N, C-alpha and C. Protein backbone atom coordinates (compact mmCIF):
# COMPACT_ATOMS: atom_id res chain seq x y z
N MET A 1 40.08 28.56 48.82
CA MET A 1 39.05 29.11 47.97
C MET A 1 39.70 29.84 46.80
N ALA A 2 38.99 29.86 45.68
CA ALA A 2 39.48 30.57 44.50
C ALA A 2 38.28 31.09 43.70
N TRP A 3 38.40 32.31 43.21
CA TRP A 3 37.34 32.92 42.42
C TRP A 3 37.53 32.59 40.95
N ASN A 4 36.49 32.07 40.31
CA ASN A 4 36.48 31.81 38.88
C ASN A 4 35.74 32.98 38.23
N ARG A 5 36.48 33.97 37.78
CA ARG A 5 35.85 35.16 37.21
C ARG A 5 35.21 34.88 35.85
N THR A 6 35.64 33.83 35.19
CA THR A 6 35.06 33.47 33.90
C THR A 6 33.60 33.06 34.04
N ARG A 7 33.29 32.29 35.09
CA ARG A 7 31.93 31.81 35.32
C ARG A 7 31.26 32.50 36.50
N ASP A 8 31.94 33.48 37.11
CA ASP A 8 31.41 34.23 38.24
C ASP A 8 30.96 33.29 39.37
N GLU A 9 31.94 32.49 39.86
CA GLU A 9 31.66 31.53 40.91
C GLU A 9 32.89 31.33 41.78
N LEU A 10 32.67 30.80 42.95
CA LEU A 10 33.74 30.53 43.91
C LEU A 10 33.98 29.03 43.98
N GLY A 11 35.25 28.62 43.96
CA GLY A 11 35.61 27.23 44.17
C GLY A 11 36.10 27.06 45.59
N ILE A 12 35.61 26.05 46.27
CA ILE A 12 36.00 25.78 47.66
C ILE A 12 36.52 24.35 47.75
N LEU A 13 37.74 24.19 48.23
CA LEU A 13 38.36 22.88 48.40
C LEU A 13 38.25 22.49 49.87
N TYR A 14 37.74 21.28 50.15
CA TYR A 14 37.57 20.85 51.54
C TYR A 14 37.70 19.34 51.66
N ALA A 15 38.01 18.89 52.86
CA ALA A 15 38.10 17.46 53.15
C ALA A 15 36.81 17.01 53.82
N GLN A 16 36.36 15.80 53.47
CA GLN A 16 35.14 15.24 54.04
C GLN A 16 35.35 13.77 54.36
N ARG A 17 34.83 13.37 55.50
CA ARG A 17 34.93 11.96 55.90
C ARG A 17 33.55 11.33 55.82
N ALA A 18 33.39 10.38 54.89
CA ALA A 18 32.08 9.75 54.71
C ALA A 18 32.21 8.43 53.96
N PRO A 19 32.52 7.30 54.48
CA PRO A 19 33.21 7.06 55.75
C PRO A 19 34.72 7.23 55.63
N SER A 20 35.28 7.14 54.41
CA SER A 20 36.71 7.40 54.25
C SER A 20 36.90 8.87 53.86
N TRP A 21 38.14 9.34 53.93
CA TRP A 21 38.43 10.74 53.64
C TRP A 21 38.49 11.00 52.14
N THR A 22 37.84 12.08 51.73
CA THR A 22 37.94 12.54 50.35
C THR A 22 38.20 14.04 50.35
N LEU A 23 38.91 14.50 49.35
CA LEU A 23 39.11 15.92 49.12
C LEU A 23 38.11 16.30 48.04
N ARG A 24 37.31 17.34 48.30
CA ARG A 24 36.23 17.70 47.39
C ARG A 24 36.33 19.16 46.96
N LEU A 25 35.78 19.45 45.78
CA LEU A 25 35.68 20.81 45.28
C LEU A 25 34.20 21.15 45.14
N ALA A 26 33.79 22.25 45.75
CA ALA A 26 32.42 22.75 45.60
C ALA A 26 32.48 24.03 44.78
N ARG A 27 31.57 24.16 43.82
CA ARG A 27 31.42 25.40 43.05
C ARG A 27 30.19 26.12 43.57
N VAL A 28 30.36 27.41 43.96
CA VAL A 28 29.31 28.16 44.61
C VAL A 28 29.06 29.47 43.86
N SER A 29 27.78 29.78 43.63
CA SER A 29 27.41 31.01 42.92
C SER A 29 27.55 32.21 43.86
N PRO A 30 27.54 33.44 43.33
CA PRO A 30 27.60 34.63 44.19
C PRO A 30 26.44 34.71 45.18
N ALA A 31 25.31 34.08 44.85
CA ALA A 31 24.15 34.07 45.75
C ALA A 31 24.28 33.02 46.86
N GLY A 32 25.37 32.23 46.84
CA GLY A 32 25.59 31.21 47.86
C GLY A 32 25.00 29.86 47.52
N VAL A 33 24.56 29.67 46.30
CA VAL A 33 23.98 28.39 45.87
C VAL A 33 25.11 27.45 45.45
N VAL A 34 25.11 26.23 46.01
CA VAL A 34 26.10 25.23 45.61
C VAL A 34 25.70 24.69 44.24
N LEU A 35 26.56 24.95 43.24
CA LEU A 35 26.28 24.54 41.87
C LEU A 35 26.57 23.06 41.66
N ASP A 36 27.65 22.58 42.23
CA ASP A 36 27.97 21.16 42.22
C ASP A 36 29.15 20.91 43.13
N THR A 37 29.34 19.64 43.46
CA THR A 37 30.52 19.22 44.22
C THR A 37 31.12 18.03 43.48
N ARG A 38 32.42 17.87 43.62
CA ARG A 38 33.09 16.76 42.96
C ARG A 38 34.24 16.24 43.82
N VAL A 39 34.49 14.97 43.73
CA VAL A 39 35.61 14.38 44.43
C VAL A 39 36.88 14.69 43.64
N VAL A 40 37.86 15.27 44.32
CA VAL A 40 39.15 15.57 43.71
C VAL A 40 40.11 14.40 43.94
N ALA A 41 40.08 13.85 45.16
CA ALA A 41 40.99 12.74 45.49
C ALA A 41 40.50 12.02 46.74
N SER A 42 40.90 10.76 46.85
CA SER A 42 40.71 10.01 48.09
C SER A 42 42.03 10.10 48.85
N VAL A 43 41.95 10.39 50.15
CA VAL A 43 43.16 10.53 50.97
C VAL A 43 43.02 9.67 52.22
N GLU A 44 44.16 9.30 52.80
CA GLU A 44 44.15 8.42 53.97
C GLU A 44 43.76 9.14 55.25
N ALA A 45 44.00 10.44 55.31
CA ALA A 45 43.71 11.24 56.49
C ALA A 45 43.45 12.67 56.02
N PRO A 46 42.88 13.52 56.87
CA PRO A 46 42.66 14.89 56.42
C PRO A 46 43.99 15.56 56.07
N PRO A 47 44.03 16.32 54.98
CA PRO A 47 45.27 16.99 54.59
C PRO A 47 45.70 17.99 55.66
N ILE A 48 47.01 18.16 55.82
CA ILE A 48 47.50 19.13 56.80
C ILE A 48 47.57 20.53 56.19
N ALA A 49 47.51 20.62 54.88
CA ALA A 49 47.47 21.90 54.18
C ALA A 49 46.86 21.68 52.81
N ALA A 50 46.16 22.69 52.31
CA ALA A 50 45.57 22.60 50.98
C ALA A 50 45.49 24.00 50.38
N ALA A 51 45.54 24.05 49.06
CA ALA A 51 45.43 25.33 48.36
C ALA A 51 44.66 25.12 47.06
N LEU A 52 43.95 26.16 46.63
CA LEU A 52 43.18 26.11 45.40
C LEU A 52 43.39 27.41 44.65
N GLN A 53 43.56 27.31 43.35
CA GLN A 53 43.73 28.49 42.50
C GLN A 53 42.95 28.25 41.21
N PHE A 54 42.45 29.33 40.61
CA PHE A 54 41.78 29.23 39.32
C PHE A 54 42.72 29.76 38.25
N SER A 55 42.84 29.05 37.15
CA SER A 55 43.68 29.47 36.03
C SER A 55 42.79 29.99 34.90
N PRO A 56 42.79 31.32 34.66
CA PRO A 56 42.00 31.83 33.54
C PRO A 56 42.55 31.36 32.19
N LEU A 57 43.81 30.97 32.15
CA LEU A 57 44.42 30.48 30.92
C LEU A 57 43.79 29.16 30.46
N THR A 58 43.58 28.24 31.42
CA THR A 58 43.02 26.92 31.09
C THR A 58 41.52 26.82 31.42
N GLY A 59 41.02 27.70 32.29
CA GLY A 59 39.63 27.61 32.74
C GLY A 59 39.42 26.53 33.77
N ASN A 60 40.51 26.07 34.39
CA ASN A 60 40.44 24.98 35.37
C ASN A 60 40.91 25.45 36.75
N TYR A 61 40.49 24.70 37.77
CA TYR A 61 41.00 24.90 39.12
C TYR A 61 42.24 24.03 39.30
N ILE A 62 43.21 24.54 40.04
CA ILE A 62 44.41 23.79 40.38
C ILE A 62 44.38 23.58 41.90
N ALA A 63 44.38 22.33 42.33
CA ALA A 63 44.34 21.99 43.76
C ALA A 63 45.65 21.33 44.17
N LEU A 64 46.19 21.74 45.30
CA LEU A 64 47.37 21.13 45.91
C LEU A 64 47.05 20.80 47.35
N TRP A 65 47.59 19.69 47.85
CA TRP A 65 47.37 19.34 49.25
C TRP A 65 48.52 18.48 49.76
N ALA A 66 48.72 18.54 51.08
CA ALA A 66 49.76 17.74 51.74
C ALA A 66 49.10 16.58 52.46
N GLU A 67 49.59 15.38 52.19
CA GLU A 67 49.05 14.17 52.81
C GLU A 67 50.01 13.71 53.90
N PRO A 68 49.64 13.87 55.18
CA PRO A 68 50.57 13.55 56.27
C PRO A 68 50.92 12.06 56.38
N VAL A 69 49.96 11.18 56.15
CA VAL A 69 50.22 9.75 56.29
C VAL A 69 51.15 9.27 55.17
N ALA A 70 50.89 9.73 53.96
CA ALA A 70 51.71 9.32 52.81
C ALA A 70 53.02 10.09 52.73
N GLY A 71 53.10 11.23 53.41
CA GLY A 71 54.33 12.03 53.40
C GLY A 71 54.62 12.65 52.04
N ARG A 72 53.57 13.14 51.38
CA ARG A 72 53.79 13.73 50.06
C ARG A 72 52.85 14.92 49.83
N ILE A 73 53.20 15.69 48.81
CA ILE A 73 52.34 16.77 48.33
C ILE A 73 51.76 16.31 47.01
N SER A 74 50.44 16.41 46.87
CA SER A 74 49.76 15.96 45.66
C SER A 74 48.98 17.12 45.05
N GLY A 75 48.56 16.93 43.81
CA GLY A 75 47.80 17.97 43.15
C GLY A 75 46.93 17.41 42.05
N ALA A 76 45.97 18.23 41.61
CA ALA A 76 45.09 17.86 40.51
C ALA A 76 44.59 19.12 39.82
N GLU A 77 44.31 18.99 38.54
CA GLU A 77 43.67 20.04 37.78
C GLU A 77 42.23 19.60 37.56
N VAL A 78 41.27 20.46 37.95
CA VAL A 78 39.86 20.10 37.90
C VAL A 78 39.14 21.08 36.98
N SER A 79 38.33 20.57 36.09
CA SER A 79 37.61 21.41 35.14
C SER A 79 36.79 22.47 35.85
N GLY A 80 36.91 23.70 35.40
CA GLY A 80 36.10 24.78 35.93
C GLY A 80 34.92 25.09 35.03
N ASN A 81 34.80 24.38 33.94
CA ASN A 81 33.76 24.68 32.96
C ASN A 81 32.72 23.59 32.80
N LYS A 82 33.04 22.37 33.16
CA LYS A 82 32.11 21.27 32.94
C LYS A 82 31.53 20.81 34.27
N PRO A 83 30.21 20.75 34.38
CA PRO A 83 29.64 20.18 35.59
C PRO A 83 30.13 18.75 35.78
N ASN A 84 30.46 18.40 37.00
CA ASN A 84 30.96 17.08 37.36
C ASN A 84 32.22 16.69 36.60
N GLY A 85 33.05 17.69 36.26
CA GLY A 85 34.31 17.41 35.59
C GLY A 85 35.22 16.56 36.47
N ARG A 86 35.97 15.70 35.87
CA ARG A 86 36.86 14.81 36.59
C ARG A 86 38.23 15.45 36.74
N PRO A 87 38.88 15.27 37.89
CA PRO A 87 40.25 15.76 38.05
C PRO A 87 41.20 15.02 37.11
N SER A 88 42.26 15.70 36.74
CA SER A 88 43.25 15.05 35.88
C SER A 88 44.64 15.53 36.25
N GLY A 89 45.63 14.77 35.83
CA GLY A 89 47.02 15.17 36.04
C GLY A 89 47.50 14.93 37.46
N SER A 90 48.75 15.22 37.68
CA SER A 90 49.36 15.09 39.00
C SER A 90 50.54 16.02 39.10
N VAL A 91 50.96 16.25 40.33
CA VAL A 91 52.09 17.13 40.60
C VAL A 91 53.19 16.33 41.23
């Protein structure tokens, strides 16, 4: 989880299986209302570790996760300002 103080919202990174595994970001208001959810990445299995941080410099969320099947650590920068923003970049 990461707090976006610019927009006064919480970002939550989670894995979901429906039917394949995806890593998703949910933006939640202080009142607990889900503002939107977006797919960050498709993964082969649930990540064994994940982290999320908000960058006030860029206004974006930075997500990192470990993929056990692929044996790698991956990452994405996700827009914190645009609804349904697409992830970009890699680590």
